[in-house]
C-alpha cells in the first residue's frame, strides 16, 4: 500500500468526528468502494461498526492519490449509508 499523508484538517476531523486513525487506515487499505470525487480527488468508503454509537456507519475519506502516496484531505462518517450506495 502507498504511504498515507494526513492533512491537518483531516487529523482534526478524525478527532472531531471521533473516528480512530486505525479505522480510517483500514478504510484506505480495504475500502468497500472507491467513487469519483471532484477531480483529482476520489472517495474511499467503508462500512464499520461505531463502538461509541453502537451502530453501523459509513466512513468516507476524500483522498488525492499520487504515484507515491495517498493524501487524506478530509473525512466524515454518516449513518445514511443508502444515500451513498
C-alpha atoms as a PDB file:
ATOM      1  CA  UNK A   1       0.000   0.000   0.000  1.00  0.00           C
ATOM      2  CA  UNK A   2       1.130   3.556  -0.651  1.00  0.00           C
ATOM      3  CA  UNK A   3       2.186   5.740   2.241  1.00  0.00           C
ATOM      4  CA  UNK A   4      -0.510   7.910   3.811  1.00  0.00           C
ATOM      5  CA  UNK A   5      -0.178  11.652   4.304  1.00  0.00           C
ATOM      6  CA  UNK A   6      -2.760  13.277   6.568  1.00  0.00           C
ATOM      7  CA  UNK A   7      -3.593  16.954   6.155  1.00  0.00           C
ATOM      8  CA  UNK A   8      -4.034  18.947   9.357  1.00  0.00           C
ATOM      9  CA  UNK A   9      -7.702  19.293   8.506  1.00  0.00           C
ATOM     10  CA  UNK A  10      -8.126  15.511   8.150  1.00  0.00           C
ATOM     11  CA  UNK A  11      -6.417  14.916  11.506  1.00  0.00           C
ATOM     12  CA  UNK A  12      -8.737  17.445  13.168  1.00  0.00           C
ATOM     13  CA  UNK A  13     -11.734  15.709  11.597  1.00  0.00           C
ATOM     14  CA  UNK A  14     -10.586  12.333  12.955  1.00  0.00           C
ATOM     15  CA  UNK A  15     -10.711  13.779  16.447  1.00  0.00           C
ATOM     16  CA  UNK A  16     -13.840  15.892  15.992  1.00  0.00           C
ATOM     17  CA  UNK A  17     -15.841  13.041  14.478  1.00  0.00           C
ATOM     18  CA  UNK A  18     -14.449  10.502  16.972  1.00  0.00           C
ATOM     19  CA  UNK A  19     -13.024   8.169  14.325  1.00  0.00           C
ATOM     20  CA  UNK A  20      -9.918   6.177  15.203  1.00  0.00           C
ATOM     21  CA  UNK A  21      -6.933   6.524  12.921  1.00  0.00           C
ATOM     22  CA  UNK A  22      -6.794   2.724  12.712  1.00  0.00           C
ATOM     23  CA  UNK A  23     -10.384   2.600  11.418  1.00  0.00           C
ATOM     24  CA  UNK A  24      -9.594   5.252   8.812  1.00  0.00           C
ATOM     25  CA  UNK A  25      -6.436   3.449   7.708  1.00  0.00           C
ATOM     26  CA  UNK A  26      -8.402   0.227   7.347  1.00  0.00           C
ATOM     27  CA  UNK A  27     -10.847   2.066   5.079  1.00  0.00           C
ATOM     28  CA  UNK A  28      -7.895   3.121   2.930  1.00  0.00           C
ATOM     29  CA  UNK A  29      -6.346  -0.352   2.881  1.00  0.00           C
ATOM     30  CA  UNK A  30      -9.572  -2.258   2.199  1.00  0.00           C
ATOM     31  CA  UNK A  31     -12.374   0.056   1.062  1.00  0.00           C
ATOM     32  CA  UNK A  32     -15.808  -1.312   0.264  1.00  0.00           C
ATOM     33  CA  UNK A  33     -15.958   1.123  -2.609  1.00  0.00           C
ATOM     34  CA  UNK A  34     -13.979   3.923  -4.254  1.00  0.00           C
ATOM     35  CA  UNK A  35     -16.060   6.584  -6.002  1.00  0.00           C
ATOM     36  CA  UNK A  36     -15.036   9.641  -8.012  1.00  0.00           C
ATOM     37  CA  UNK A  37     -14.968  12.950  -6.214  1.00  0.00           C
ATOM     38  CA  UNK A  38     -14.173  16.396  -7.554  1.00  0.00           C
ATOM     39  CA  UNK A  39     -11.188  15.706  -9.810  1.00  0.00           C
ATOM     40  CA  UNK A  40      -8.462  14.793  -8.930  1.00  0.00           C
ATOM     41  CA  UNK A  41      -9.999  13.507  -5.702  1.00  0.00           C
ATOM     42  CA  UNK A  42     -11.592  10.138  -5.017  1.00  0.00           C
ATOM     43  CA  UNK A  43     -13.650   8.990  -2.055  1.00  0.00           C
ATOM     44  CA  UNK A  44     -12.799   5.796  -0.195  1.00  0.00           C
ATOM     45  CA  UNK A  45     -15.854   4.348   1.557  1.00  0.00           C
ATOM     46  CA  UNK A  46     -16.100   1.625   4.160  1.00  0.00           C
ATOM     47  CA  UNK A  47     -18.884   0.465   6.473  1.00  0.00           C
ATOM     48  CA  UNK A  48     -17.937  -0.160  10.064  1.00  0.00           C
ATOM     49  CA  UNK A  49     -19.480  -0.643  13.470  1.00  0.00           C
ATOM     50  CA  UNK A  50     -19.041   2.517  15.514  1.00  0.00           C
ATOM     51  CA  UNK A  51     -18.261   1.477  19.083  1.00  0.00           C
ATOM     52  CA  UNK A  52     -19.351   4.806  20.607  1.00  0.00           C
ATOM     53  CA  UNK A  53     -22.686   4.985  18.793  1.00  0.00           C
ATOM     54  CA  UNK A  54     -23.301   1.244  18.712  1.00  0.00           C
ATOM     55  CA  UNK A  55     -24.468   1.286  15.114  1.00  0.00           C
ATOM     56  CA  UNK A  56     -23.249   0.675  11.596  1.00  0.00           C
ATOM     57  CA  UNK A  57     -21.775   3.771   9.980  1.00  0.00           C
ATOM     58  CA  UNK A  58     -20.213   4.664   6.654  1.00  0.00           C
ATOM     59  CA  UNK A  59     -16.778   6.252   6.747  1.00  0.00           C
ATOM     60  CA  UNK A  60     -15.910   8.417   3.708  1.00  0.00           C
ATOM     61  CA  UNK A  61     -12.371   9.670   3.155  1.00  0.00           C
ATOM     62  CA  UNK A  62     -11.638  12.264   0.485  1.00  0.00           C
ATOM     63  CA  UNK A  63      -8.243  11.406  -0.989  1.00  0.00           C
ATOM     64  CA  UNK A  64      -5.837  12.803  -3.561  1.00  0.00           C
ATOM     65  CA  UNK A  65      -3.728   9.937  -4.880  1.00  0.00           C
ATOM     66  CA  UNK A  66      -0.223  10.436  -6.240  1.00  0.00           C
ATOM     67  CA  UNK A  67       2.238   7.870  -7.527  1.00  0.00           C
ATOM     68  CA  UNK A  68       3.850   7.663  -4.100  1.00  0.00           C
ATOM     69  CA  UNK A  69       1.151   8.378  -1.544  1.00  0.00           C
ATOM     70  CA  UNK A  70      -2.474   8.815  -0.553  1.00  0.00           C
ATOM     71  CA  UNK A  71      -3.179  12.321   0.734  1.00  0.00           C
ATOM     72  CA  UNK A  72      -6.221  12.329   3.017  1.00  0.00           C
ATOM     73  CA  UNK A  73      -7.852  15.738   2.598  1.00  0.00           C
ATOM     74  CA  UNK A  74     -10.892  15.268   4.845  1.00  0.00           C
ATOM     75  CA  UNK A  75     -13.291  12.619   6.101  1.00  0.00           C
ATOM     76  CA  UNK A  76     -16.698  12.166   7.578  1.00  0.00           C
ATOM     77  CA  UNK A  77     -18.898   9.427   8.926  1.00  0.00           C
ATOM     78  CA  UNK A  78     -22.596   9.029   8.363  1.00  0.00           C
ATOM     79  CA  UNK A  79     -25.432   6.719   9.295  1.00  0.00           C
ATOM     80  CA  UNK A  80     -27.104   7.492   5.921  1.00  0.00           C
ATOM     81  CA  UNK A  81     -25.455   4.555   4.209  1.00  0.00           C
ATOM     82  CA  UNK A  82     -28.084   4.163   1.481  1.00  0.00           C
ATOM     83  CA  UNK A  83     -27.567   7.756   0.369  1.00  0.00           C
ATOM     84  CA  UNK A  84     -24.033   6.897  -0.761  1.00  0.00           C
ATOM     85  CA  UNK A  85     -24.623   3.385  -2.197  1.00  0.00           C
END
